[in-house]
């Protein structure tokens, strides 16, 4: 598994009363992928063969998610989300914050269906 730094672009449009966020797009090797990440998320991306794994961590909200993409499909083929700090600790252990992003992904891929 290799960590990569793809291009990320935020697509927006102007609406009455403000700006609407359409999507966050990741581009890698000529393919575009729709990401599910927020403003306070830390995003880690790894590739393995034709698969891309996107780990999103939001410590402030206590959420953690893993999306698996298969090139060139623009949407994840599988997703696993932990919605609270309690869920994260129960799944990854109380010392999960000391684990590397690659180790977190390896542990979470076991939960993908």
N, C-alpha and C. Protein backbone atom coordinates (compact mmCIF):
# COMPACT_ATOMS: atom_id res chain seq x y z
N UNK A 1 0.86 -1.17 0.00
CA UNK A 1 0.00 0.00 0.00
C UNK A 1 0.90 1.23 0.00
N UNK A 2 0.55 2.17 -0.86
CA UNK A 2 1.37 3.37 -1.03
C UNK A 2 0.53 4.62 -0.79
N UNK A 3 1.04 5.52 0.07
CA UNK A 3 0.33 6.77 0.30
C UNK A 3 0.53 7.69 -0.89
N UNK A 4 -0.56 8.33 -1.33
CA UNK A 4 -0.48 9.24 -2.47
C UNK A 4 -1.05 10.59 -2.08
N UNK A 5 -0.71 11.59 -2.88
CA UNK A 5 -1.23 12.94 -2.69
C UNK A 5 -1.93 13.37 -3.97
N UNK A 6 -3.21 12.99 -4.11
CA UNK A 6 -3.94 13.35 -5.32
C UNK A 6 -4.35 14.82 -5.30
N UNK A 7 -4.86 15.29 -6.42
CA UNK A 7 -5.39 16.64 -6.51
C UNK A 7 -6.82 16.64 -5.96
N UNK A 8 -7.12 17.62 -5.11
CA UNK A 8 -8.47 17.76 -4.56
C UNK A 8 -9.04 19.11 -5.00
N UNK A 9 -10.29 19.09 -5.47
CA UNK A 9 -10.94 20.33 -5.90
C UNK A 9 -12.34 20.39 -5.31
N UNK A 10 -12.67 21.57 -4.81
CA UNK A 10 -13.99 21.83 -4.26
C UNK A 10 -14.82 22.52 -5.33
N UNK A 11 -15.95 21.93 -5.68
CA UNK A 11 -16.84 22.50 -6.69
C UNK A 11 -18.03 23.15 -5.99
N UNK A 12 -18.27 24.42 -6.32
CA UNK A 12 -19.35 25.18 -5.70
C UNK A 12 -20.18 25.88 -6.76
N UNK A 13 -21.35 26.37 -6.34
CA UNK A 13 -22.16 27.22 -7.21
C UNK A 13 -22.83 28.28 -6.36
N UNK A 14 -23.04 29.42 -6.96
CA UNK A 14 -23.69 30.53 -6.27
C UNK A 14 -25.21 30.33 -6.30
N UNK A 15 -25.83 30.53 -5.16
CA UNK A 15 -27.28 30.47 -5.03
C UNK A 15 -27.75 31.70 -4.29
N UNK A 16 -29.04 31.91 -4.29
CA UNK A 16 -29.59 33.01 -3.50
C UNK A 16 -29.20 32.78 -2.05
N UNK A 17 -28.61 33.78 -1.47
CA UNK A 17 -28.25 33.68 -0.06
C UNK A 17 -26.92 33.03 0.23
N UNK A 18 -26.17 32.63 -0.78
CA UNK A 18 -24.86 32.08 -0.46
C UNK A 18 -24.30 31.14 -1.50
N UNK A 19 -23.27 30.46 -1.10
CA UNK A 19 -22.57 29.52 -1.96
C UNK A 19 -22.94 28.11 -1.56
N UNK A 20 -23.28 27.28 -2.53
CA UNK A 20 -23.63 25.88 -2.28
C UNK A 20 -22.44 25.00 -2.68
N UNK A 21 -22.04 24.10 -1.80
CA UNK A 21 -20.96 23.17 -2.10
C UNK A 21 -21.56 21.98 -2.85
N UNK A 22 -21.12 21.79 -4.10
CA UNK A 22 -21.62 20.67 -4.91
C UNK A 22 -20.90 19.37 -4.57
N UNK A 23 -19.57 19.43 -4.59
CA UNK A 23 -18.83 18.20 -4.36
C UNK A 23 -17.35 18.49 -4.13
N UNK A 24 -16.70 17.50 -3.54
CA UNK A 24 -15.25 17.51 -3.39
C UNK A 24 -14.74 16.40 -4.29
N UNK A 25 -13.92 16.75 -5.27
CA UNK A 25 -13.47 15.79 -6.27
C UNK A 25 -11.97 15.54 -6.11
N UNK A 26 -11.61 14.27 -6.11
CA UNK A 26 -10.21 13.85 -6.06
C UNK A 26 -9.85 13.35 -7.46
N UNK A 27 -8.72 13.79 -7.97
CA UNK A 27 -8.25 13.33 -9.27
C UNK A 27 -6.94 12.58 -9.08
N UNK A 28 -6.87 11.40 -9.68
CA UNK A 28 -5.66 10.58 -9.61
C UNK A 28 -5.54 9.76 -10.89
N UNK A 29 -4.41 9.87 -11.55
CA UNK A 29 -4.12 9.14 -12.79
C UNK A 29 -5.22 9.31 -13.82
N UNK A 30 -5.71 10.53 -13.97
CA UNK A 30 -6.70 10.84 -14.98
C UNK A 30 -8.13 10.48 -14.62
N UNK A 31 -8.36 9.90 -13.47
CA UNK A 31 -9.71 9.54 -13.03
C UNK A 31 -10.16 10.49 -11.92
N UNK A 32 -11.46 10.74 -11.87
CA UNK A 32 -12.04 11.61 -10.84
C UNK A 32 -12.91 10.80 -9.91
N UNK A 33 -12.84 11.13 -8.62
CA UNK A 33 -13.58 10.41 -7.59
C UNK A 33 -14.30 11.41 -6.69
N UNK A 34 -15.55 11.12 -6.35
CA UNK A 34 -16.32 11.97 -5.45
C UNK A 34 -15.98 11.58 -4.01
N UNK A 35 -15.46 12.54 -3.26
CA UNK A 35 -15.11 12.29 -1.86
C UNK A 35 -16.23 12.72 -0.94
N UNK A 36 -16.30 12.05 0.19
CA UNK A 36 -17.25 12.40 1.23
C UNK A 36 -16.44 12.85 2.44
N UNK A 37 -16.12 14.14 2.46
CA UNK A 37 -15.30 14.71 3.52
C UNK A 37 -15.78 16.11 3.81
N UNK A 38 -15.56 16.55 5.04
CA UNK A 38 -15.98 17.87 5.45
C UNK A 38 -14.80 18.79 5.70
N UNK A 39 -15.12 20.02 6.08
CA UNK A 39 -14.12 21.05 6.26
C UNK A 39 -13.11 20.73 7.36
N UNK A 40 -13.53 20.01 8.38
CA UNK A 40 -12.62 19.72 9.49
C UNK A 40 -12.01 18.33 9.42
N UNK A 41 -12.25 17.64 8.32
CA UNK A 41 -11.69 16.30 8.15
C UNK A 41 -10.24 16.35 7.70
N UNK A 42 -9.46 15.41 8.19
CA UNK A 42 -8.12 15.16 7.67
C UNK A 42 -8.26 13.97 6.74
N UNK A 43 -7.76 14.11 5.52
CA UNK A 43 -7.93 13.09 4.50
C UNK A 43 -6.58 12.43 4.20
N UNK A 44 -6.57 11.10 4.21
CA UNK A 44 -5.38 10.32 3.86
C UNK A 44 -5.79 9.39 2.72
N UNK A 45 -4.96 9.34 1.66
CA UNK A 45 -5.29 8.52 0.50
C UNK A 45 -4.15 7.55 0.23
N UNK A 46 -4.52 6.28 0.04
CA UNK A 46 -3.56 5.24 -0.26
C UNK A 46 -4.03 4.47 -1.49
N UNK A 47 -3.07 3.98 -2.26
CA UNK A 47 -3.41 3.15 -3.41
C UNK A 47 -2.81 1.76 -3.23
N UNK A 48 -3.53 0.80 -3.78
CA UNK A 48 -3.04 -0.58 -3.77
C UNK A 48 -3.64 -1.25 -5.00
N UNK A 49 -2.80 -1.55 -5.97
CA UNK A 49 -3.25 -2.09 -7.25
C UNK A 49 -4.20 -1.09 -7.90
N UNK A 50 -5.43 -1.48 -8.22
CA UNK A 50 -6.38 -0.54 -8.82
C UNK A 50 -7.34 0.04 -7.79
N UNK A 51 -7.11 -0.24 -6.52
CA UNK A 51 -7.97 0.27 -5.45
C UNK A 51 -7.37 1.53 -4.83
N UNK A 52 -8.26 2.45 -4.45
CA UNK A 52 -7.87 3.62 -3.67
C UNK A 52 -8.64 3.57 -2.36
N UNK A 53 -7.95 3.84 -1.27
CA UNK A 53 -8.57 3.89 0.06
C UNK A 53 -8.46 5.31 0.59
N UNK A 54 -9.60 5.88 0.95
CA UNK A 54 -9.62 7.25 1.47
C UNK A 54 -10.09 7.20 2.92
N UNK A 55 -9.19 7.58 3.81
CA UNK A 55 -9.48 7.63 5.24
C UNK A 55 -9.77 9.08 5.61
N UNK A 56 -10.91 9.33 6.23
CA UNK A 56 -11.24 10.67 6.70
C UNK A 56 -11.37 10.61 8.22
N UNK A 57 -10.67 11.51 8.88
CA UNK A 57 -10.65 11.56 10.34
C UNK A 57 -11.09 12.95 10.77
N UNK A 58 -12.08 13.01 11.65
CA UNK A 58 -12.52 14.28 12.20
C UNK A 58 -12.54 14.13 13.72
N UNK A 59 -11.44 14.51 14.35
CA UNK A 59 -11.31 14.36 15.81
C UNK A 59 -12.27 15.27 16.55
N UNK A 60 -12.54 16.45 16.01
CA UNK A 60 -13.47 17.38 16.67
C UNK A 60 -14.88 16.81 16.75
N UNK A 61 -15.31 16.13 15.69
CA UNK A 61 -16.65 15.54 15.66
C UNK A 61 -16.66 14.10 16.18
N UNK A 62 -15.49 13.50 16.31
CA UNK A 62 -15.41 12.11 16.77
C UNK A 62 -15.86 11.12 15.72
N UNK A 63 -15.53 11.40 14.45
CA UNK A 63 -15.91 10.48 13.38
C UNK A 63 -14.68 10.04 12.60
N UNK A 64 -14.82 8.88 11.98
CA UNK A 64 -13.75 8.31 11.18
C UNK A 64 -14.40 7.48 10.09
N UNK A 65 -13.96 7.63 8.85
CA UNK A 65 -14.56 6.87 7.76
C UNK A 65 -13.53 6.36 6.79
N UNK A 66 -13.86 5.24 6.17
CA UNK A 66 -13.02 4.67 5.13
C UNK A 66 -13.89 4.42 3.91
N UNK A 67 -13.47 4.97 2.77
CA UNK A 67 -14.13 4.73 1.50
C UNK A 67 -13.15 4.02 0.59
N UNK A 68 -13.64 2.95 -0.06
CA UNK A 68 -12.82 2.19 -1.00
C UNK A 68 -13.33 2.45 -2.41
N UNK A 69 -12.43 2.84 -3.30
CA UNK A 69 -12.75 3.13 -4.69
C UNK A 69 -12.03 2.13 -5.58
N UNK A 70 -12.66 1.80 -6.67
CA UNK A 70 -12.03 0.93 -7.66
C UNK A 70 -11.95 1.71 -8.96
N UNK A 71 -10.73 1.99 -9.41
CA UNK A 71 -10.54 2.77 -10.63
C UNK A 71 -11.25 2.09 -11.80
N UNK A 72 -11.93 2.84 -12.64
CA UNK A 72 -12.14 4.27 -12.68
C UNK A 72 -13.48 4.72 -12.11
N UNK A 73 -14.17 3.89 -11.32
CA UNK A 73 -15.49 4.23 -10.77
C UNK A 73 -15.41 5.49 -9.92
N UNK A 74 -16.28 6.49 -10.17
CA UNK A 74 -16.18 7.77 -9.46
C UNK A 74 -16.73 7.75 -8.03
N UNK A 75 -17.51 6.74 -7.68
CA UNK A 75 -18.09 6.67 -6.34
C UNK A 75 -17.54 5.45 -5.60
N UNK A 76 -17.51 5.50 -4.27
CA UNK A 76 -16.94 4.37 -3.52
C UNK A 76 -17.72 3.09 -3.77
N UNK A 77 -16.99 2.00 -3.82
CA UNK A 77 -17.64 0.70 -3.94
C UNK A 77 -17.98 0.14 -2.56
N UNK A 78 -17.37 0.71 -1.53
CA UNK A 78 -17.64 0.28 -0.18
C UNK A 78 -17.25 1.37 0.80
N UNK A 79 -17.97 1.43 1.92
CA UNK A 79 -17.77 2.47 2.92
C UNK A 79 -17.94 1.88 4.31
N UNK A 80 -17.10 2.34 5.24
CA UNK A 80 -17.25 1.98 6.65
C UNK A 80 -17.05 3.25 7.46
N UNK A 81 -18.04 3.60 8.28
CA UNK A 81 -17.99 4.84 9.05
C UNK A 81 -18.20 4.55 10.53
N UNK A 82 -17.38 5.19 11.34
CA UNK A 82 -17.55 5.16 12.79
C UNK A 82 -18.04 6.54 13.20
N UNK A 83 -19.22 6.59 13.84
CA UNK A 83 -19.92 7.84 14.08
C UNK A 83 -19.65 8.50 15.42
N UNK A 84 -18.85 7.87 16.27
CA UNK A 84 -18.57 8.48 17.58
C UNK A 84 -17.20 8.04 18.09
N UNK A 85 -16.68 8.79 19.03
CA UNK A 85 -15.40 8.43 19.65
C UNK A 85 -15.49 7.06 20.31
N UNK A 86 -16.64 6.77 20.89
CA UNK A 86 -16.85 5.47 21.53
C UNK A 86 -16.75 4.34 20.50
N UNK A 87 -17.38 4.52 19.34
CA UNK A 87 -17.30 3.52 18.27
C UNK A 87 -15.87 3.34 17.78
N UNK A 88 -15.15 4.45 17.65
CA UNK A 88 -13.76 4.38 17.18
C UNK A 88 -12.91 3.59 18.17
N UNK A 89 -13.04 3.90 19.45
CA UNK A 89 -12.24 3.21 20.47
C UNK A 89 -12.62 1.73 20.56
N UNK A 90 -13.90 1.43 20.43
CA UNK A 90 -14.35 0.03 20.49
C UNK A 90 -13.81 -0.76 19.30
N UNK A 91 -13.71 -0.13 18.15
CA UNK A 91 -13.27 -0.81 16.93
C UNK A 91 -11.76 -0.86 16.80
N UNK A 92 -11.08 0.24 17.13
CA UNK A 92 -9.65 0.36 16.88
C UNK A 92 -8.79 0.37 18.14
N UNK A 93 -9.42 0.43 19.31
CA UNK A 93 -8.67 0.46 20.57
C UNK A 93 -8.51 1.88 21.09
N UNK A 94 -8.23 1.99 22.37
CA UNK A 94 -8.14 3.31 23.01
C UNK A 94 -6.93 4.12 22.57
N UNK A 95 -5.95 3.46 21.99
CA UNK A 95 -4.73 4.14 21.53
C UNK A 95 -4.74 4.34 20.01
N UNK A 96 -5.91 4.37 19.40
CA UNK A 96 -6.03 4.45 17.94
C UNK A 96 -5.34 5.67 17.35
N UNK A 97 -5.29 6.77 18.09
CA UNK A 97 -4.69 8.00 17.57
C UNK A 97 -3.18 7.87 17.37
N UNK A 98 -2.56 6.88 17.98
CA UNK A 98 -1.13 6.65 17.82
C UNK A 98 -0.82 5.79 16.60
N UNK A 99 -1.86 5.20 15.98
CA UNK A 99 -1.66 4.36 14.81
C UNK A 99 -1.47 5.21 13.56
N UNK A 100 -0.67 4.72 12.64
CA UNK A 100 -0.45 5.44 11.39
C UNK A 100 -1.72 5.33 10.52
N UNK A 101 -1.91 6.27 9.60
CA UNK A 101 -3.06 6.17 8.71
C UNK A 101 -3.09 4.84 7.95
N UNK A 102 -1.93 4.34 7.52
CA UNK A 102 -1.89 3.06 6.81
C UNK A 102 -2.37 1.92 7.70
N UNK A 103 -1.96 1.91 8.95
CA UNK A 103 -2.41 0.87 9.88
C UNK A 103 -3.91 0.99 10.14
N UNK A 104 -4.41 2.22 10.27
CA UNK A 104 -5.85 2.41 10.45
C UNK A 104 -6.62 1.84 9.25
N UNK A 105 -6.15 2.12 8.05
CA UNK A 105 -6.81 1.61 6.86
C UNK A 105 -6.77 0.09 6.84
N UNK A 106 -5.62 -0.49 7.14
CA UNK A 106 -5.51 -1.95 7.15
C UNK A 106 -6.47 -2.57 8.16
N UNK A 107 -6.63 -1.94 9.31
CA UNK A 107 -7.56 -2.45 10.32
C UNK A 107 -9.00 -2.29 9.88
N UNK A 108 -9.31 -1.17 9.24
CA UNK A 108 -10.70 -0.89 8.84
C UNK A 108 -11.13 -1.68 7.61
N UNK A 109 -10.20 -2.05 6.73
CA UNK A 109 -10.60 -2.82 5.55
C UNK A 109 -11.21 -4.16 5.94
N UNK A 110 -10.91 -4.65 7.11
CA UNK A 110 -11.51 -5.91 7.59
C UNK A 110 -13.01 -5.75 7.80
N UNK A 111 -13.48 -4.51 7.94
CA UNK A 111 -14.91 -4.25 8.18
C UNK A 111 -15.67 -3.94 6.90
N UNK A 112 -14.96 -3.82 5.79
CA UNK A 112 -15.63 -3.58 4.52
C UNK A 112 -16.29 -4.88 4.06
N UNK A 113 -17.45 -4.77 3.50
CA UNK A 113 -18.17 -5.97 3.05
C UNK A 113 -17.77 -6.28 1.63
